[in-house]
Amino acid sequence: MEVVVLASGPLFNGTASALVNRFTREGGEEVARWGEGEVQRVLEQVLRHPTGYYQSQVTVNRVSNDSFAITDGGVVYGPWLEGTSRRNAETNFKGYGTFQRVAKRVEARADRTFAAIFAQTQGRL
């Protein structure tokens, strides 16, 4: 008696790895783009005398294959606007906390975004 097991499908033919990489990349990009837009929306609401410069410096940067950072490009007064500068302790201005607030929103939304991307990726199998 002999039992033959034939392993086939995406896990065994190499396509699953490519799909997982695509899922991670696309999901990360989608979350990062949404987060960047959310930072812009919040800044439009909180900035009292915007010149446009600070908002123009907000960008998404790829940190690694599967991670992204939304930054203000290192604008010198960015920490003051955020409220993380020691200067905030010396003035009445406590900062807007834009990036901190948006980080919480991004974290809360990431699961839904990745679930949607996963559903789309499964359709490609």
PDB file of N, CA and C in Angstrom:
ATOM      1  N   MET A   1       0.839  -1.175   0.000  1.00  0.00           N
ATOM      2  CA  MET A   1       0.000   0.000   0.000  1.00  0.00           C
ATOM      3  C   MET A   1       0.882   1.236   0.000  1.00  0.00           C
ATOM      4  N   GLU A   2       0.439   2.217  -0.741  1.00  0.00           N
ATOM      5  CA  GLU A   2       1.205   3.459  -0.852  1.00  0.00           C
ATOM      6  C   GLU A   2       0.242   4.637  -0.834  1.00  0.00           C
ATOM      7  N   VAL A   3       0.623   5.687  -0.125  1.00  0.00           N
ATOM      8  CA  VAL A   3      -0.157   6.916  -0.111  1.00  0.00           C
ATOM      9  C   VAL A   3       0.707   7.997  -0.750  1.00  0.00           C
ATOM     10  N   VAL A   4       0.166   8.628  -1.741  1.00  0.00           N
ATOM     11  CA  VAL A   4       0.887   9.690  -2.426  1.00  0.00           C
ATOM     12  C   VAL A   4       0.208  11.017  -2.086  1.00  0.00           C
ATOM     13  N   VAL A   5       0.998  11.945  -1.617  1.00  0.00           N
ATOM     14  CA  VAL A   5       0.487  13.273  -1.301  1.00  0.00           C
ATOM     15  C   VAL A   5       1.090  14.242  -2.306  1.00  0.00           C
ATOM     16  N   LEU A   6       0.235  14.910  -3.015  1.00  0.00           N
ATOM     17  CA  LEU A   6       0.690  15.896  -3.992  1.00  0.00           C
ATOM     18  C   LEU A   6       0.421  17.282  -3.418  1.00  0.00           C
ATOM     19  N   ALA A   7       1.480  17.996  -3.155  1.00  0.00           N
ATOM     20  CA  ALA A   7       1.354  19.356  -2.618  1.00  0.00           C
ATOM     21  C   ALA A   7       1.331  20.332  -3.783  1.00  0.00           C
ATOM     22  N   SER A   8       0.251  21.080  -3.863  1.00  0.00           N
ATOM     23  CA  SER A   8       0.154  22.065  -4.942  1.00  0.00           C
ATOM     24  C   SER A   8      -0.527  23.314  -4.412  1.00  0.00           C
ATOM     25  N   GLY A   9      -0.490  24.334  -5.199  1.00  0.00           N
ATOM     26  CA  GLY A   9      -1.115  25.594  -4.813  1.00  0.00           C
ATOM     27  C   GLY A   9      -0.077  26.646  -4.494  1.00  0.00           C
ATOM     28  N   PRO A  10      -0.537  27.835  -4.118  1.00  0.00           N
ATOM     29  CA  PRO A  10       0.363  28.970  -3.940  1.00  0.00           C
ATOM     30  C   PRO A  10       1.419  28.790  -2.843  1.00  0.00           C
ATOM     31  N   LEU A  11       1.116  28.018  -1.814  1.00  0.00           N
ATOM     32  CA  LEU A  11       2.118  27.809  -0.774  1.00  0.00           C
ATOM     33  C   LEU A  11       3.286  26.959  -1.273  1.00  0.00           C
ATOM     34  N   PHE A  12       3.031  26.149  -2.259  1.00  0.00           N
ATOM     35  CA  PHE A  12       4.045  25.213  -2.718  1.00  0.00           C
ATOM     36  C   PHE A  12       4.686  25.594  -4.047  1.00  0.00           C
ATOM     37  N   ASN A  13       4.052  26.459  -4.810  1.00  0.00           N
ATOM     38  CA  ASN A  13       4.639  26.819  -6.101  1.00  0.00           C
ATOM     39  C   ASN A  13       5.354  28.173  -6.073  1.00  0.00           C
ATOM     40  N   GLY A  14       5.440  28.804  -4.901  1.00  0.00           N
ATOM     41  CA  GLY A  14       6.202  30.048  -4.773  1.00  0.00           C
ATOM     42  C   GLY A  14       5.398  31.323  -4.925  1.00  0.00           C
ATOM     43  N   THR A  15       4.144  31.231  -5.356  1.00  0.00           N
ATOM     44  CA  THR A  15       3.380  32.466  -5.561  1.00  0.00           C
ATOM     45  C   THR A  15       2.887  33.072  -4.248  1.00  0.00           C
ATOM     46  N   ALA A  16       2.758  32.276  -3.200  1.00  0.00           N
ATOM     47  CA  ALA A  16       2.274  32.810  -1.916  1.00  0.00           C
ATOM     48  C   ALA A  16       3.243  33.843  -1.363  1.00  0.00           C
ATOM     49  N   SER A  17       4.523  33.576  -1.463  1.00  0.00           N
ATOM     50  CA  SER A  17       5.521  34.516  -0.952  1.00  0.00           C
ATOM     51  C   SER A  17       5.425  35.860  -1.669  1.00  0.00           C
ATOM     52  N   ALA A  18       5.271  35.814  -2.966  1.00  0.00           N
ATOM     53  CA  ALA A  18       5.133  37.060  -3.734  1.00  0.00           C
ATOM     54  C   ALA A  18       3.856  37.791  -3.350  1.00  0.00           C
ATOM     55  N   LEU A  19       2.774  37.043  -3.121  1.00  0.00           N
ATOM     56  CA  LEU A  19       1.510  37.665  -2.731  1.00  0.00           C
ATOM     57  C   LEU A  19       1.598  38.281  -1.336  1.00  0.00           C
ATOM     58  N   VAL A  20       2.280  37.611  -0.425  1.00  0.00           N
ATOM     59  CA  VAL A  20       2.457  38.167   0.922  1.00  0.00           C
ATOM     60  C   VAL A  20       3.275  39.447   0.851  1.00  0.00           C
ATOM     61  N   ASN A  21       4.316  39.450   0.048  1.00  0.00           N
ATOM     62  CA  ASN A  21       5.127  40.667  -0.112  1.00  0.00           C
ATOM     63  C   ASN A  21       4.291  41.795  -0.703  1.00  0.00           C
ATOM     64  N   ARG A  22       3.499  41.495  -1.700  1.00  0.00           N
ATOM     65  CA  ARG A  22       2.637  42.508  -2.319  1.00  0.00           C
ATOM     66  C   ARG A  22       1.608  43.025  -1.311  1.00  0.00           C
ATOM     67  N   PHE A  23       1.006  42.103  -0.562  1.00  0.00           N
ATOM     68  CA  PHE A  23       0.026  42.466   0.462  1.00  0.00           C
ATOM     69  C   PHE A  23       0.637  43.421   1.478  1.00  0.00           C
ATOM     70  N   THR A  24       1.826  43.097   1.962  1.00  0.00           N
ATOM     71  CA  THR A  24       2.498  43.937   2.960  1.00  0.00           C
ATOM     72  C   THR A  24       2.833  45.304   2.382  1.00  0.00           C
ATOM     73  N   ARG A  25       3.369  45.310   1.173  1.00  0.00           N
ATOM     74  CA  ARG A  25       3.752  46.581   0.536  1.00  0.00           C
ATOM     75  C   ARG A  25       2.533  47.448   0.261  1.00  0.00           C
ATOM     76  N   GLU A  26       1.513  46.866  -0.375  1.00  0.00           N
ATOM     77  CA  GLU A  26       0.318  47.638  -0.727  1.00  0.00           C
ATOM     78  C   GLU A  26      -0.435  48.108   0.511  1.00  0.00           C
ATOM     79  N   GLY A  27      -0.543  47.242   1.504  1.00  0.00           N
ATOM     80  CA  GLY A  27      -1.223  47.625   2.742  1.00  0.00           C
ATOM     81  C   GLY A  27      -0.499  48.746   3.450  1.00  0.00           C
ATOM     82  N   GLY A  28       0.816  48.630   3.546  1.00  0.00           N
ATOM     83  CA  GLY A  28       1.617  49.676   4.188  1.00  0.00           C
ATOM     84  C   GLY A  28       1.510  51.000   3.457  1.00  0.00           C
ATOM     85  N   GLU A  29       1.577  50.948   2.130  1.00  0.00           N
ATOM     86  CA  GLU A  29       1.464  52.178   1.338  1.00  0.00           C
ATOM     87  C   GLU A  29       0.097  52.826   1.519  1.00  0.00           C
ATOM     88  N   GLU A  30      -0.946  52.018   1.516  1.00  0.00           N
ATOM     89  CA  GLU A  30      -2.300  52.550   1.666  1.00  0.00           C
ATOM     90  C   GLU A  30      -2.490  53.202   3.036  1.00  0.00           C
ATOM     91  N   VAL A  31      -2.027  52.542   4.082  1.00  0.00           N
ATOM     92  CA  VAL A  31      -2.134  53.103   5.437  1.00  0.00           C
ATOM     93  C   VAL A  31      -1.330  54.398   5.533  1.00  0.00           C
ATOM     94  N   ALA A  32      -0.133  54.397   4.972  1.00  0.00           N
ATOM     95  CA  ALA A  32       0.715  55.595   5.032  1.00  0.00           C
ATOM     96  C   ALA A  32       0.090  56.764   4.261  1.00  0.00           C
ATOM     97  N   ARG A  33      -0.447  56.493   3.077  1.00  0.00           N
ATOM     98  CA  ARG A  33      -1.098  57.574   2.300  1.00  0.00           C
ATOM     99  C   ARG A  33      -2.293  58.145   3.046  1.00  0.00           C
ATOM    100  N   TRP A  34      -3.082  57.255   3.657  1.00  0.00           N
ATOM    101  CA  TRP A  34      -4.231  57.722   4.426  1.00  0.00           C
ATOM    102  C   TRP A  34      -3.759  58.570   5.599  1.00  0.00           C
ATOM    103  N   GLY A  35      -2.718  58.111   6.286  1.00  0.00           N
ATOM    104  CA  GLY A  35      -2.174  58.857   7.425  1.00  0.00           C
ATOM    105  C   GLY A  35      -1.654  60.226   7.027  1.00  0.00           C
ATOM    106  N   GLU A  36      -0.996  60.303   5.885  1.00  0.00           N
ATOM    107  CA  GLU A  36      -0.500  61.597   5.404  1.00  0.00           C
ATOM    108  C   GLU A  36      -1.674  62.543   5.142  1.00  0.00           C
ATOM    109  N   GLY A  37      -2.715  62.037   4.509  1.00  0.00           N
ATOM    110  CA  GLY A  37      -3.896  62.856   4.260  1.00  0.00           C
ATOM    111  C   GLY A  37      -4.549  63.306   5.555  1.00  0.00           C
ATOM    112  N   GLU A  38      -4.543  62.427   6.544  1.00  0.00           N
ATOM    113  CA  GLU A  38      -5.133  62.763   7.839  1.00  0.00           C
ATOM    114  C   GLU A  38      -4.316  63.851   8.537  1.00  0.00           C
ATOM    115  N   VAL A  39      -2.989  63.778   8.456  1.00  0.00           N
ATOM    116  CA  VAL A  39      -2.144  64.841   9.022  1.00  0.00           C
ATOM    117  C   VAL A  39      -2.486  66.170   8.350  1.00  0.00           C
ATOM    118  N   GLN A  40      -2.612  66.149   7.031  1.00  0.00           N
ATOM    119  CA  GLN A  40      -2.945  67.386   6.307  1.00  0.00           C
ATOM    120  C   GLN A  40      -4.302  67.933   6.739  1.00  0.00           C
ATOM    121  N   ARG A  41      -5.293  67.068   6.892  1.00  0.00           N
ATOM    122  CA  ARG A  41      -6.629  67.518   7.322  1.00  0.00           C
ATOM    123  C   ARG A  41      -6.593  68.139   8.713  1.00  0.00           C
ATOM    124  N   VAL A  42      -5.869  67.510   9.626  1.00  0.00           N
ATOM    125  CA  VAL A  42      -5.790  68.046  10.986  1.00  0.00           C
ATOM    126  C   VAL A  42      -5.044  69.375  10.988  1.00  0.00           C
ATOM    127  N   LEU A  43      -3.960  69.461  10.237  1.00  0.00           N
ATOM    128  CA  LEU A  43      -3.213  70.724  10.186  1.00  0.00           C
ATOM    129  C   LEU A  43      -4.077  71.854   9.635  1.00  0.00           C
ATOM    130  N   GLU A  44      -4.903  71.559   8.643  1.00  0.00           N
ATOM    131  CA  GLU A  44      -5.814  72.582   8.113  1.00  0.00           C
ATOM    132  C   GLU A  44      -6.758  73.097   9.191  1.00  0.00           C
ATOM    133  N   GLN A  45      -7.112  72.251  10.123  1.00  0.00           N
ATOM    134  CA  GLN A  45      -8.037  72.632  11.193  1.00  0.00           C
ATOM    135  C   GLN A  45      -7.347  73.405  12.314  1.00  0.00           C
ATOM    136  N   VAL A  46      -6.094  73.044  12.639  1.00  0.00           N
ATOM    137  CA  VAL A  46      -5.466  73.611  13.833  1.00  0.00           C
ATOM    138  C   VAL A  46      -4.539  74.785  13.579  1.00  0.00           C
ATOM    139  N   LEU A  47      -3.894  74.837  12.429  1.00  0.00           N
ATOM    140  CA  LEU A  47      -2.955  75.928  12.188  1.00  0.00           C
ATOM    141  C   LEU A  47      -3.708  77.252  12.086  1.00  0.00           C
ATOM    142  N   ARG A  48      -3.253  78.223  12.845  1.00  0.00           N
ATOM    143  CA  ARG A  48      -3.979  79.505  12.900  1.00  0.00           C
ATOM    144  C   ARG A  48      -3.569  80.465  11.794  1.00  0.00           C
ATOM    145  N   HIS A  49      -2.299  80.487  11.457  1.00  0.00           N
ATOM    146  CA  HIS A  49      -1.815  81.382  10.406  1.00  0.00           C
ATOM    147  C   HIS A  49      -0.897  80.601   9.459  1.00  0.00           C
ATOM    148  N   PRO A  50      -1.473  79.643   8.740  1.00  0.00           N
ATOM    149  CA  PRO A  50      -0.622  78.795   7.896  1.00  0.00           C
ATOM    150  C   PRO A  50      -0.043  79.560   6.707  1.00  0.00           C
ATOM    151  N   THR A  51       1.227  79.293   6.456  1.00  0.00           N
ATOM    152  CA  THR A  51       1.882  79.862   5.272  1.00  0.00           C
ATOM    153  C   THR A  51       1.929  78.834   4.148  1.00  0.00           C
ATOM    154  N   GLY A  52       1.664  77.594   4.482  1.00  0.00           N
ATOM    155  CA  GLY A  52       1.730  76.522   3.496  1.00  0.00           C
ATOM    156  C   GLY A  52       3.041  75.767   3.533  1.00  0.00           C
ATOM    157  N   TYR A  53       4.072  76.403   4.098  1.00  0.00           N
ATOM    158  CA  TYR A  53       5.382  75.757   4.104  1.00  0.00           C
ATOM    159  C   TYR A  53       5.378  74.471   4.938  1.00  0.00           C
ATOM    160  N   TYR A  54       4.907  74.566   6.171  1.00  0.00           N
ATOM    161  CA  TYR A  54       4.941  73.393   7.045  1.00  0.00           C
ATOM    162  C   TYR A  54       4.168  72.239   6.425  1.00  0.00           C
ATOM    163  N   GLN A  55       2.980  72.514   5.932  1.00  0.00           N
ATOM    164  CA  GLN A  55       2.170  71.463   5.330  1.00  0.00           C
ATOM    165  C   GLN A  55       2.850  70.873   4.095  1.00  0.00           C
ATOM    166  N   SER A  56       3.582  71.696   3.370  1.00  0.00           N
ATOM    167  CA  SER A  56       4.257  71.189   2.170  1.00  0.00           C
ATOM    168  C   SER A  56       5.406  70.244   2.506  1.00  0.00           C
ATOM    169  N   GLN A  57       5.869  70.267   3.737  1.00  0.00           N
ATOM    170  CA  GLN A  57       6.987  69.417   4.138  1.00  0.00           C
ATOM    171  C   GLN A  57       6.541  68.052   4.672  1.00  0.00           C
ATOM    172  N   VAL A  58       5.251  67.884   4.898  1.00  0.00           N
ATOM    173  CA  VAL A  58       4.730  66.608   5.396  1.00  0.00           C
ATOM    174  C   VAL A  58       4.772  65.587   4.258  1.00  0.00           C
ATOM    175  N   THR A  59       5.513  64.512   4.481  1.00  0.00           N
ATOM    176  CA  THR A  59       5.682  63.497   3.449  1.00  0.00           C
ATOM    177  C   THR A  59       5.675  62.103   4.066  1.00  0.00           C
ATOM    178  N   VAL A  60       5.503  61.116   3.196  1.00  0.00           N
ATOM    179  CA  VAL A  60       5.625  59.714   3.579  1.00  0.00           C
ATOM    180  C   VAL A  60       6.981  59.239   3.071  1.00  0.00           C
ATOM    181  N   ASN A  61       7.738  58.619   3.947  1.00  0.00           N
ATOM    182  CA  ASN A  61       9.037  58.064   3.573  1.00  0.00           C
ATOM    183  C   ASN A  61       9.049  56.574   3.872  1.00  0.00           C
ATOM    184  N   ARG A  62       9.550  55.801   2.925  1.00  0.00           N
ATOM    185  CA  ARG A  62       9.695  54.351   3.143  1.00  0.00           C
ATOM    186  C   ARG A  62      10.916  54.152   4.050  1.00  0.00           C
ATOM    187  N   VAL A  63      10.697  53.468   5.170  1.00  0.00           N
ATOM    188  CA  VAL A  63      11.768  53.194   6.117  1.00  0.00           C
ATOM    189  C   VAL A  63      12.423  51.859   5.787  1.00  0.00           C
ATOM    190  N   SER A  64      11.604  50.878   5.411  1.00  0.00           N
ATOM    191  CA  SER A  64      12.094  49.562   4.990  1.00  0.00           C
ATOM    192  C   SER A  64      11.063  49.001   4.016  1.00  0.00           C
ATOM    193  N   ASN A  65      11.238  47.748   3.632  1.00  0.00           N
ATOM    194  CA  ASN A  65      10.299  47.146   2.676  1.00  0.00           C
ATOM    195  C   ASN A  65       8.860  47.160   3.169  1.00  0.00           C
ATOM    196  N   ASP A  66       8.688  47.063   4.484  1.00  0.00           N
ATOM    197  CA  ASP A  66       7.332  46.944   5.003  1.00  0.00           C
ATOM    198  C   ASP A  66       6.964  48.020   6.029  1.00  0.00           C
ATOM    199  N   SER A  67       7.707  49.124   6.057  1.00  0.00           N
ATOM    200  CA  SER A  67       7.337  50.186   6.995  1.00  0.00           C
ATOM    201  C   SER A  67       7.576  51.564   6.381  1.00  0.00           C
ATOM    202  N   PHE A  68       6.745  52.485   6.830  1.00  0.00           N
ATOM    203  CA  PHE A  68       6.758  53.852   6.325  1.00  0.00           C
ATOM    204  C   PHE A  68       6.727  54.820   7.493  1.00  0.00           C
ATOM    205  N   ALA A  69       7.219  56.023   7.264  1.00  0.00           N
ATOM    206  CA  ALA A  69       7.159  57.073   8.280  1.00  0.00           C
ATOM    207  C   ALA A  69       6.546  58.316   7.655  1.00  0.00           C
ATOM    208  N   ILE A  70       5.643  58.928   8.383  1.00  0.00           N
ATOM    209  CA  ILE A  70       5.067  60.204   7.969  1.00  0.00           C
ATOM    210  C   ILE A  70       5.790  61.259   8.791  1.00  0.00           C
ATOM    211  N   THR A  71       6.468  62.183   8.119  1.00  0.00           N
ATOM    212  CA  THR A  71       7.277  63.164   8.839  1.00  0.00           C
ATOM    213  C   THR A  71       6.982  64.577   8.359  1.00  0.00           C
ATOM    214  N   ASP A  72       7.503  65.528   9.110  1.00  0.00           N
ATOM    215  CA  ASP A  72       7.416  66.928   8.700  1.00  0.00           C
ATOM    216  C   ASP A  72       8.714  67.372   8.035  1.00  0.00           C
ATOM    217  N   GLY A  73       9.527  66.410   7.634  1.00  0.00           N
ATOM    218  CA  GLY A  73      10.763  66.712   6.927  1.00  0.00           C
ATOM    219  C   GLY A  73      11.824  67.364   7.790  1.00  0.00           C
ATOM    220  N   GLY A  74      11.647  67.334   9.103  1.00  0.00           N
ATOM    221  CA  GLY A  74      12.642  67.928   9.995  1.00  0.00           C
ATOM    222  C   GLY A  74      12.555  69.435  10.104  1.00  0.00           C
ATOM    223  N   VAL A  75      11.391  70.009   9.811  1.00  0.00           N
ATOM    224  CA  VAL A  75      11.224  71.462   9.941  1.00  0.00           C
ATOM    225  C   VAL A  75      11.609  71.859  11.361  1.00  0.00           C
ATOM    226  N   VAL A  76      12.436  72.879  11.489  1.00  0.00           N
ATOM    227  CA  VAL A  76      13.017  73.247  12.771  1.00  0.00           C
ATOM    228  C   VAL A  76      11.962  73.562  13.838  1.00  0.00           C
ATOM    229  N   TYR A  77      10.834  74.121  13.455  1.00  0.00           N
ATOM    230  CA  TYR A  77       9.806  74.438  14.447  1.00  0.00           C
ATOM    231  C   TYR A  77       8.738  73.347  14.551  1.00  0.00           C
ATOM    232  N   GLY A  78       8.958  72.224  13.899  1.00  0.00           N
ATOM    233  CA  GLY A  78       8.023  71.106  13.960  1.00  0.00           C
ATOM    234  C   GLY A  78       7.782  70.588  15.374  1.00  0.00           C
ATOM    235  N   PRO A  79       8.847  70.346  16.161  1.00  0.00           N
ATOM    236  CA  PRO A  79       8.622  69.879  17.535  1.00  0.00           C
ATOM    237  C   PRO A  79       7.805  70.877  18.372  1.00  0.00           C
ATOM    238  N   TRP A  80       7.980  72.152  18.135  1.00  0.00           N
ATOM    239  CA  TRP A  80       7.205  73.165  18.853  1.00  0.00           C
ATOM    240  C   TRP A  80       5.732  73.078  18.479  1.00  0.00           C
ATOM    241  N   LEU A  81       5.449  72.945  17.168  1.00  0.00           N
ATOM    242  CA  LEU A  81       4.059  72.796  16.742  1.00  0.00           C
ATOM    243  C   LEU A  81       3.438  71.521  17.299  1.00  0.00           C
ATOM    244  N   GLU A  82       4.235  70.468  17.373  1.00  0.00           N
ATOM    245  CA  GLU A  82       3.739  69.188  17.877  1.00  0.00           C
ATOM    246  C   GLU A  82       3.545  69.220  19.392  1.00  0.00           C
ATOM    247  N   GLY A  83       4.345  70.032  20.067  1.00  0.00           N
ATOM    248  CA  GLY A  83       4.257  70.123  21.524  1.00  0.00           C
ATOM    249  C   GLY A  83       5.284  69.284  22.239  1.00  0.00           C
ATOM    250  N   THR A  84       6.332  68.880  21.522  1.00  0.00           N
ATOM    251  CA  THR A  84       7.360  68.031  22.112  1.00  0.00           C
ATOM    252  C   THR A  84       8.672  68.764  22.356  1.00  0.00           C
ATOM    253  N   SER A  85       8.696  70.061  22.105  1.00  0.00           N
ATOM    254  CA  SER A  85       9.894  70.867  22.299  1.00  0.00           C
ATOM    255  C   SER A  85       9.965  71.364  23.741  1.00  0.00           C
ATOM    256  N   ARG A  86      11.161  71.543  24.256  1.00  0.00           N
ATOM    257  CA  ARG A  86      11.262  72.104  25.610  1.00  0.00           C
ATOM    258  C   ARG A  86      10.746  73.538  25.626  1.00  0.00           C
ATOM    259  N   ARG A  87      10.730  74.159  24.473  1.00  0.00           N
ATOM    260  CA  ARG A  87      10.204  75.524  24.367  1.00  0.00           C
ATOM    261  C   ARG A  87       8.715  75.581  24.736  1.00  0.00           C
ATOM    262  N   ASN A  88       7.977  74.489  24.500  1.00  0.00           N
ATOM    263  CA  ASN A  88       6.559  74.451  24.857  1.00  0.00           C
ATOM    264  C   ASN A  88       6.356  74.624  26.365  1.00  0.00           C
ATOM    265  N   ALA A  89       7.302  74.125  27.157  1.00  0.00           N
ATOM    266  CA  ALA A  89       7.200  74.260  28.614  1.00  0.00           C
ATOM    267  C   ALA A  89       7.433  75.695  29.059  1.00  0.00           C
ATOM    268  N   GLU A  90       8.113  76.467  28.224  1.00  0.00           N
ATOM    269  CA  GLU A  90       8.442  77.852  28.568  1.00  0.00           C
ATOM    270  C   GLU A  90       7.406  78.847  28.064  1.00  0.00           C
ATOM    271  N   THR A  91       6.443  78.386  27.273  1.00  0.00           N
ATOM    272  CA  THR A  91       5.426  79.283  26.712  1.00  0.00           C
ATOM    273  C   THR A  91       4.038  78.740  27.042  1.00  0.00           C
ATOM    274  N   ASN A  92       3.033  79.519  26.723  1.00  0.00           N
ATOM    275  CA  ASN A  92       1.651  79.068  26.931  1.00  0.00           C
ATOM    276  C   ASN A  92       1.196  78.095  25.854  1.00  0.00           C
ATOM    277  N   PHE A  93       1.929  78.022  24.753  1.00  0.00           N
ATOM    278  CA  PHE A  93       1.541  77.156  23.635  1.00  0.00           C
ATOM    279  C   PHE A  93       1.991  75.727  23.923  1.00  0.00           C
ATOM    280  N   LYS A  94       1.047  74.830  24.065  1.00  0.00           N
ATOM    281  CA  LYS A  94       1.350  73.439  24.406  1.00  0.00           C
ATOM    282  C   LYS A  94       1.479  72.539  23.185  1.00  0.00           C
ATOM    283  N   GLY A  95       1.258  73.084  21.999  1.00  0.00           N
ATOM    284  CA  GLY A  95       1.400  72.310  20.770  1.00  0.00           C
ATOM    285  C   GLY A  95       0.081  71.709  20.331  1.00  0.00           C
ATOM    286  N   TYR A  96       0.056  71.299  19.066  1.00  0.00           N
ATOM    287  CA  TYR A  96      -1.162  70.737  18.495  1.00  0.00           C
ATOM    288  C   TYR A  96      -1.253  69.223  18.654  1.00  0.00           C
ATOM    289  N   GLY A  97      -0.122  68.555  18.768  1.00  0.00           N
ATOM    290  CA  GLY A  97      -0.132  67.100  18.902  1.00  0.00           C
ATOM    291  C   GLY A  97      -0.684  66.387  17.682  1.00  0.00           C
ATOM    292  N   THR A  98      -0.521  66.998  16.525  1.00  0.00           N
ATOM    293  CA  THR A  98      -1.108  66.457  15.294  1.00  0.00           C
ATOM    294  C   THR A  98      -0.618  65.045  14.990  1.00  0.00           C
ATOM    295  N   PHE A  99       0.683  64.850  14.977  1.00  0.00           N
ATOM    296  CA  PHE A  99       1.226  63.541  14.620  1.00  0.00           C
ATOM    297  C   PHE A  99       0.854  62.494  15.667  1.00  0.00           C
ATOM    298  N   GLN A 100       0.810  62.880  16.930  1.00  0.00           N
ATOM    299  CA  GLN A 100       0.432  61.938  17.983  1.00  0.00           C
ATOM    300  C   GLN A 100      -1.030  61.513  17.820  1.00  0.00           C
ATOM    301  N   ARG A 101      -1.898  62.463  17.540  1.00  0.00           N
ATOM    302  CA  ARG A 101      -3.320  62.141  17.355  1.00  0.00           C
ATOM    303  C   ARG A 101      -3.534  61.278  16.114  1.00  0.00           C
ATOM    304  N   VAL A 102      -2.865  61.647  15.035  1.00  0.00           N
ATOM    305  CA  VAL A 102      -3.029  60.891  13.789  1.00  0.00           C
ATOM    306  C   VAL A 102      -2.457  59.477  13.936  1.00  0.00           C
ATOM    307  N   ALA A 103      -1.382  59.325  14.676  1.00  0.00           N
ATOM    308  CA  ALA A 103      -0.804  57.992  14.879  1.00  0.00           C
ATOM    309  C   ALA A 103      -1.839  57.055  15.491  1.00  0.00           C
ATOM    310  N   LYS A 104      -2.615  57.545  16.427  1.00  0.00           N
ATOM    311  CA  LYS A 104      -3.661  56.718  17.040  1.00  0.00           C
ATOM    312  C   LYS A 104      -4.739  56.361  16.025  1.00  0.00           C
ATOM    313  N   ARG A 105      -5.096  57.313  15.171  1.00  0.00           N
ATOM    314  CA  ARG A 105      -6.107  57.051  14.144  1.00  0.00           C
ATOM    315  C   ARG A 105      -5.604  56.043  13.123  1.00  0.00           C
ATOM    316  N   VAL A 106      -4.335  56.180  12.736  1.00  0.00           N
ATOM    317  CA  VAL A 106      -3.744  55.249  11.767  1.00  0.00           C
ATOM    318  C   VAL A 106      -3.737  53.841  12.349  1.00  0.00           C
ATOM    319  N   GLU A 107      -3.336  53.720  13.599  1.00  0.00           N
ATOM    320  CA  GLU A 107      -3.299  52.410  14.244  1.00  0.00           C
ATOM    321  C   GLU A 107      -4.694  51.787  14.294  1.00  0.00           C
ATOM    322  N   ALA A 108      -5.689  52.604  14.604  1.00  0.00           N
ATOM    323  CA  ALA A 108      -7.056  52.094  14.679  1.00  0.00           C
ATOM    324  C   ALA A 108      -7.588  51.670  13.311  1.00  0.00           C
ATOM    325  N   ARG A 109      -7.138  52.323  12.259  1.00  0.00           N
ATOM    326  CA  ARG A 109      -7.644  52.042  10.915  1.00  0.00           C
ATOM    327  C   ARG A 109      -6.848  50.955  10.187  1.00  0.00           C
ATOM    328  N   ALA A 110      -5.636  50.701  10.606  1.00  0.00           N
ATOM    329  CA  ALA A 110      -4.741  49.791   9.875  1.00  0.00           C
ATOM    330  C   ALA A 110      -5.341  48.401   9.689  1.00  0.00           C
ATOM    331  N   ASP A 111      -5.980  47.869  10.712  1.00  0.00           N
ATOM    332  CA  ASP A 111      -6.551  46.516  10.593  1.00  0.00           C
ATOM    333  C   ASP A 111      -7.574  46.437   9.470  1.00  0.00           C
ATOM    334  N   ARG A 112      -8.456  47.436   9.387  1.00  0.00           N
ATOM    335  CA  ARG A 112      -9.477  47.435   8.324  1.00  0.00           C
ATOM    336  C   ARG A 112      -8.818  47.544   6.951  1.00  0.00           C
ATOM    337  N   THR A 113      -7.822  48.397   6.860  1.00  0.00           N
ATOM    338  CA  THR A 113      -7.148  48.588   5.573  1.00  0.00           C
ATOM    339  C   THR A 113      -6.466  47.302   5.131  1.00  0.00           C
ATOM    340  N   PHE A 114      -5.736  46.667   6.040  1.00  0.00           N
ATOM    341  CA  PHE A 114      -5.046  45.428   5.685  1.00  0.00           C
ATOM    342  C   PHE A 114      -6.037  44.311   5.378  1.00  0.00           C
ATOM    343  N   ALA A 115      -7.160  44.276   6.063  1.00  0.00           N
ATOM    344  CA  ALA A 115      -8.177  43.259   5.775  1.00  0.00           C
ATOM    345  C   ALA A 115      -8.713  43.435   4.358  1.00  0.00           C
ATOM    346  N   ALA A 116      -8.947  44.675   3.953  1.00  0.00           N
ATOM    347  CA  ALA A 116      -9.440  44.940   2.595  1.00  0.00           C
ATOM    348  C   ALA A 116      -8.392  44.558   1.553  1.00  0.00           C
ATOM    349  N   ILE A 117      -7.142  44.905   1.802  1.00  0.00           N
ATOM    350  CA  ILE A 117      -6.053  44.549   0.868  1.00  0.00           C
ATOM    351  C   ILE A 117      -5.901  43.030   0.809  1.00  0.00           C
ATOM    352  N   PHE A 118      -6.032  42.364   1.946  1.00  0.00           N
ATOM    353  CA  PHE A 118      -5.926  40.902   1.976  1.00  0.00           C
ATOM    354  C   PHE A 118      -7.024  40.262   1.142  1.00  0.00           C
ATOM    355  N   ALA A 119      -8.230  40.786   1.262  1.00  0.00           N
ATOM    356  CA  ALA A 119      -9.351  40.252   0.469  1.00  0.00           C
ATOM    357  C   ALA A 119      -9.071  40.419  -1.025  1.00  0.00           C
ATOM    358  N   GLN A 120      -8.505  41.554  -1.395  1.00  0.00           N
ATOM    359  CA  GLN A 120      -8.168  41.781  -2.811  1.00  0.00           C
ATOM    360  C   GLN A 120      -7.057  40.832  -3.246  1.00  0.00           C
ATOM    361  N   THR A 121      -6.064  40.621  -2.369  1.00  0.00           N
ATOM    362  CA  THR A 121      -4.948  39.738  -2.697  1.00  0.00           C
ATOM    363  C   THR A 121      -5.416  38.298  -2.859  1.00  0.00           C
ATOM    364  N   GLN A 122      -6.332  37.859  -2.008  1.00  0.00           N
ATOM    365  CA  GLN A 122      -6.854  36.492  -2.131  1.00  0.00           C
ATOM    366  C   GLN A 122      -7.538  36.294  -3.480  1.00  0.00           C
ATOM    367  N   GLY A 123      -8.179  37.329  -3.972  1.00  0.00           N
ATOM    368  CA  GLY A 123      -8.842  37.242  -5.272  1.00  0.00           C
ATOM    369  C   GLY A 123      -7.856  37.013  -6.401  1.00  0.00           C
ATOM    370  N   ARG A 124      -6.589  37.297  -6.167  1.00  0.00           N
ATOM    371  CA  ARG A 124      -5.565  37.131  -7.206  1.00  0.00           C
ATOM    372  C   ARG A 124      -4.982  35.718  -7.230  1.00  0.00           C
ATOM    373  N   LEU A 125      -5.332  34.904  -6.213  1.00  0.00           N
ATOM    374  CA  LEU A 125      -4.785  33.533  -6.168  1.00  0.00           C
ATOM    375  C   LEU A 125      -5.330  32.681  -7.284  1.00  0.00           C
TER     376      LEU A 125
END
